[in-house]
Protein backbone atom coordinates (compact mmCIF):
# COMPACT_ATOMS: atom_id res chain seq x y z
CA UNK A 1 0.00 0.00 0.00
CA UNK A 2 1.37 3.41 -0.97
CA UNK A 3 1.43 6.31 1.45
CA UNK A 4 0.14 9.78 0.57
CA UNK A 5 2.26 12.73 1.71
CA UNK A 6 2.02 16.49 1.32
CA UNK A 7 4.90 18.73 0.35
CA UNK A 8 4.83 22.50 0.77
CA UNK A 9 7.40 24.77 -0.84
CA UNK A 10 7.98 28.31 0.34
CA UNK A 11 10.38 30.42 -1.67
CA UNK A 12 11.86 33.64 -0.28
CA UNK A 13 11.34 35.49 -3.55
CA UNK A 14 7.90 35.26 -5.16
CA UNK A 15 9.52 35.97 -8.58
CA UNK A 16 9.63 32.76 -10.61
CA UNK A 17 10.25 32.25 -14.33
CA UNK A 18 6.99 30.84 -15.72
CA UNK A 19 8.61 28.94 -18.61
CA UNK A 20 11.09 27.20 -16.31
CA UNK A 21 8.30 26.31 -13.85
CA UNK A 22 6.17 24.88 -16.69
CA UNK A 23 9.09 22.67 -17.73
CA UNK A 24 9.74 21.48 -14.17
CA UNK A 25 6.08 20.68 -13.41
CA UNK A 26 5.72 18.91 -16.78
CA UNK A 27 8.77 16.78 -16.04
CA UNK A 28 7.48 15.82 -12.59
CA UNK A 29 3.95 14.99 -13.81
CA UNK A 30 4.77 13.28 -17.10
CA UNK A 31 8.01 11.48 -16.21
CA UNK A 32 6.73 9.69 -13.11
CA UNK A 33 8.86 6.61 -13.73
CA UNK A 34 12.03 8.70 -14.05
CA UNK A 35 11.56 10.63 -10.80
CA UNK A 36 9.52 8.08 -8.81
CA UNK A 37 6.99 10.75 -7.87
CA UNK A 38 3.23 10.62 -8.40
CA UNK A 39 1.69 14.08 -8.00
CA UNK A 40 -2.03 14.00 -7.28
CA UNK A 41 -2.58 17.76 -6.98
CA UNK A 42 -0.51 20.91 -7.28
CA UNK A 43 -1.32 24.57 -6.79
CA UNK A 44 0.45 27.82 -6.14
CA UNK A 45 0.64 31.56 -6.68
CA UNK A 46 3.76 33.42 -7.81
CA UNK A 47 4.97 36.45 -9.72
CA UNK A 48 6.14 35.65 -13.25
CA UNK A 49 9.60 37.15 -13.54
CA UNK A 50 9.75 36.49 -17.30
CA UNK A 51 6.90 38.94 -17.97
CA UNK A 52 7.71 42.49 -19.03
CA UNK A 53 6.41 43.62 -15.65
CA UNK A 54 6.07 40.95 -12.93
CA UNK A 55 2.58 39.45 -13.24
CA UNK A 56 0.63 37.60 -10.53
CA UNK A 57 0.30 34.05 -11.86
CA UNK A 58 -1.30 30.84 -10.57
CA UNK A 59 -0.55 27.16 -10.97
CA UNK A 60 -3.15 24.44 -10.55
CA UNK A 61 -3.12 20.82 -11.54
CA UNK A 62 -4.63 17.39 -10.95
CA UNK A 63 -2.82 14.16 -11.83
CA UNK A 64 -1.05 14.73 -15.19
CA UNK A 65 -2.95 17.90 -16.19
CA UNK A 66 -1.95 21.40 -15.12
CA UNK A 67 -2.27 25.02 -16.15
CA UNK A 68 -0.32 28.15 -15.38
CA UNK A 69 -2.12 31.39 -16.11
CA UNK A 70 -2.10 35.07 -15.22
CA UNK A 71 -4.50 36.20 -12.52
CA UNK A 72 -6.84 38.94 -13.76
CA UNK A 73 -6.70 42.27 -11.97
C-alpha atoms as a PDB file:
ATOM      1  CA  UNK A   1       0.000   0.000   0.000  1.00  0.00           C
ATOM      2  CA  UNK A   2       1.369   3.415  -0.967  1.00  0.00           C
ATOM      3  CA  UNK A   3       1.426   6.308   1.448  1.00  0.00           C
ATOM      4  CA  UNK A   4       0.139   9.785   0.574  1.00  0.00           C
ATOM      5  CA  UNK A   5       2.261  12.730   1.707  1.00  0.00           C
ATOM      6  CA  UNK A   6       2.024  16.485   1.321  1.00  0.00           C
ATOM      7  CA  UNK A   7       4.904  18.728   0.353  1.00  0.00           C
ATOM      8  CA  UNK A   8       4.833  22.504   0.767  1.00  0.00           C
ATOM      9  CA  UNK A   9       7.399  24.767  -0.843  1.00  0.00           C
ATOM     10  CA  UNK A  10       7.978  28.305   0.338  1.00  0.00           C
ATOM     11  CA  UNK A  11      10.379  30.419  -1.675  1.00  0.00           C
ATOM     12  CA  UNK A  12      11.856  33.637  -0.277  1.00  0.00           C
ATOM     13  CA  UNK A  13      11.340  35.491  -3.546  1.00  0.00           C
ATOM     14  CA  UNK A  14       7.898  35.264  -5.164  1.00  0.00           C
ATOM     15  CA  UNK A  15       9.515  35.973  -8.576  1.00  0.00           C
ATOM     16  CA  UNK A  16       9.631  32.757 -10.613  1.00  0.00           C
ATOM     17  CA  UNK A  17      10.255  32.252 -14.334  1.00  0.00           C
ATOM     18  CA  UNK A  18       6.990  30.837 -15.715  1.00  0.00           C
ATOM     19  CA  UNK A  19       8.614  28.944 -18.612  1.00  0.00           C
ATOM     20  CA  UNK A  20      11.086  27.196 -16.305  1.00  0.00           C
ATOM     21  CA  UNK A  21       8.303  26.309 -13.850  1.00  0.00           C
ATOM     22  CA  UNK A  22       6.175  24.875 -16.691  1.00  0.00           C
ATOM     23  CA  UNK A  23       9.088  22.672 -17.728  1.00  0.00           C
ATOM     24  CA  UNK A  24       9.737  21.484 -14.169  1.00  0.00           C
ATOM     25  CA  UNK A  25       6.082  20.678 -13.414  1.00  0.00           C
ATOM     26  CA  UNK A  26       5.721  18.912 -16.775  1.00  0.00           C
ATOM     27  CA  UNK A  27       8.771  16.779 -16.036  1.00  0.00           C
ATOM     28  CA  UNK A  28       7.476  15.820 -12.591  1.00  0.00           C
ATOM     29  CA  UNK A  29       3.954  14.992 -13.808  1.00  0.00           C
ATOM     30  CA  UNK A  30       4.772  13.280 -17.098  1.00  0.00           C
ATOM     31  CA  UNK A  31       8.010  11.483 -16.213  1.00  0.00           C
ATOM     32  CA  UNK A  32       6.732   9.690 -13.114  1.00  0.00           C
ATOM     33  CA  UNK A  33       8.859   6.605 -13.730  1.00  0.00           C
ATOM     34  CA  UNK A  34      12.027   8.702 -14.047  1.00  0.00           C
ATOM     35  CA  UNK A  35      11.560  10.627 -10.799  1.00  0.00           C
ATOM     36  CA  UNK A  36       9.522   8.082  -8.808  1.00  0.00           C
ATOM     37  CA  UNK A  37       6.990  10.752  -7.869  1.00  0.00           C
ATOM     38  CA  UNK A  38       3.227  10.616  -8.403  1.00  0.00           C
ATOM     39  CA  UNK A  39       1.692  14.077  -7.998  1.00  0.00           C
ATOM     40  CA  UNK A  40      -2.029  13.999  -7.283  1.00  0.00           C
ATOM     41  CA  UNK A  41      -2.583  17.764  -6.978  1.00  0.00           C
ATOM     42  CA  UNK A  42      -0.511  20.911  -7.280  1.00  0.00           C
ATOM     43  CA  UNK A  43      -1.322  24.569  -6.790  1.00  0.00           C
ATOM     44  CA  UNK A  44       0.454  27.820  -6.135  1.00  0.00           C
ATOM     45  CA  UNK A  45       0.643  31.556  -6.677  1.00  0.00           C
ATOM     46  CA  UNK A  46       3.761  33.416  -7.814  1.00  0.00           C
ATOM     47  CA  UNK A  47       4.972  36.454  -9.715  1.00  0.00           C
ATOM     48  CA  UNK A  48       6.137  35.650 -13.254  1.00  0.00           C
ATOM     49  CA  UNK A  49       9.603  37.152 -13.537  1.00  0.00           C
ATOM     50  CA  UNK A  50       9.746  36.486 -17.301  1.00  0.00           C
ATOM     51  CA  UNK A  51       6.895  38.935 -17.966  1.00  0.00           C
ATOM     52  CA  UNK A  52       7.714  42.491 -19.026  1.00  0.00           C
ATOM     53  CA  UNK A  53       6.408  43.624 -15.647  1.00  0.00           C
ATOM     54  CA  UNK A  54       6.067  40.950 -12.929  1.00  0.00           C
ATOM     55  CA  UNK A  55       2.580  39.448 -13.239  1.00  0.00           C
ATOM     56  CA  UNK A  56       0.631  37.598 -10.527  1.00  0.00           C
ATOM     57  CA  UNK A  57       0.304  34.048 -11.855  1.00  0.00           C
ATOM     58  CA  UNK A  58      -1.301  30.840 -10.572  1.00  0.00           C
ATOM     59  CA  UNK A  59      -0.549  27.159 -10.969  1.00  0.00           C
ATOM     60  CA  UNK A  60      -3.150  24.443 -10.550  1.00  0.00           C
ATOM     61  CA  UNK A  61      -3.121  20.815 -11.541  1.00  0.00           C
ATOM     62  CA  UNK A  62      -4.630  17.387 -10.950  1.00  0.00           C
ATOM     63  CA  UNK A  63      -2.822  14.156 -11.833  1.00  0.00           C
ATOM     64  CA  UNK A  64      -1.052  14.731 -15.186  1.00  0.00           C
ATOM     65  CA  UNK A  65      -2.954  17.897 -16.186  1.00  0.00           C
ATOM     66  CA  UNK A  66      -1.954  21.397 -15.118  1.00  0.00           C
ATOM     67  CA  UNK A  67      -2.269  25.021 -16.153  1.00  0.00           C
ATOM     68  CA  UNK A  68      -0.322  28.146 -15.377  1.00  0.00           C
ATOM     69  CA  UNK A  69      -2.123  31.391 -16.105  1.00  0.00           C
ATOM     70  CA  UNK A  70      -2.096  35.065 -15.218  1.00  0.00           C
ATOM     71  CA  UNK A  71      -4.503  36.196 -12.523  1.00  0.00           C
ATOM     72  CA  UNK A  72      -6.840  38.939 -13.764  1.00  0.00           C
ATOM     73  CA  UNK A  73      -6.696  42.275 -11.965  1.00  0.00           C
END
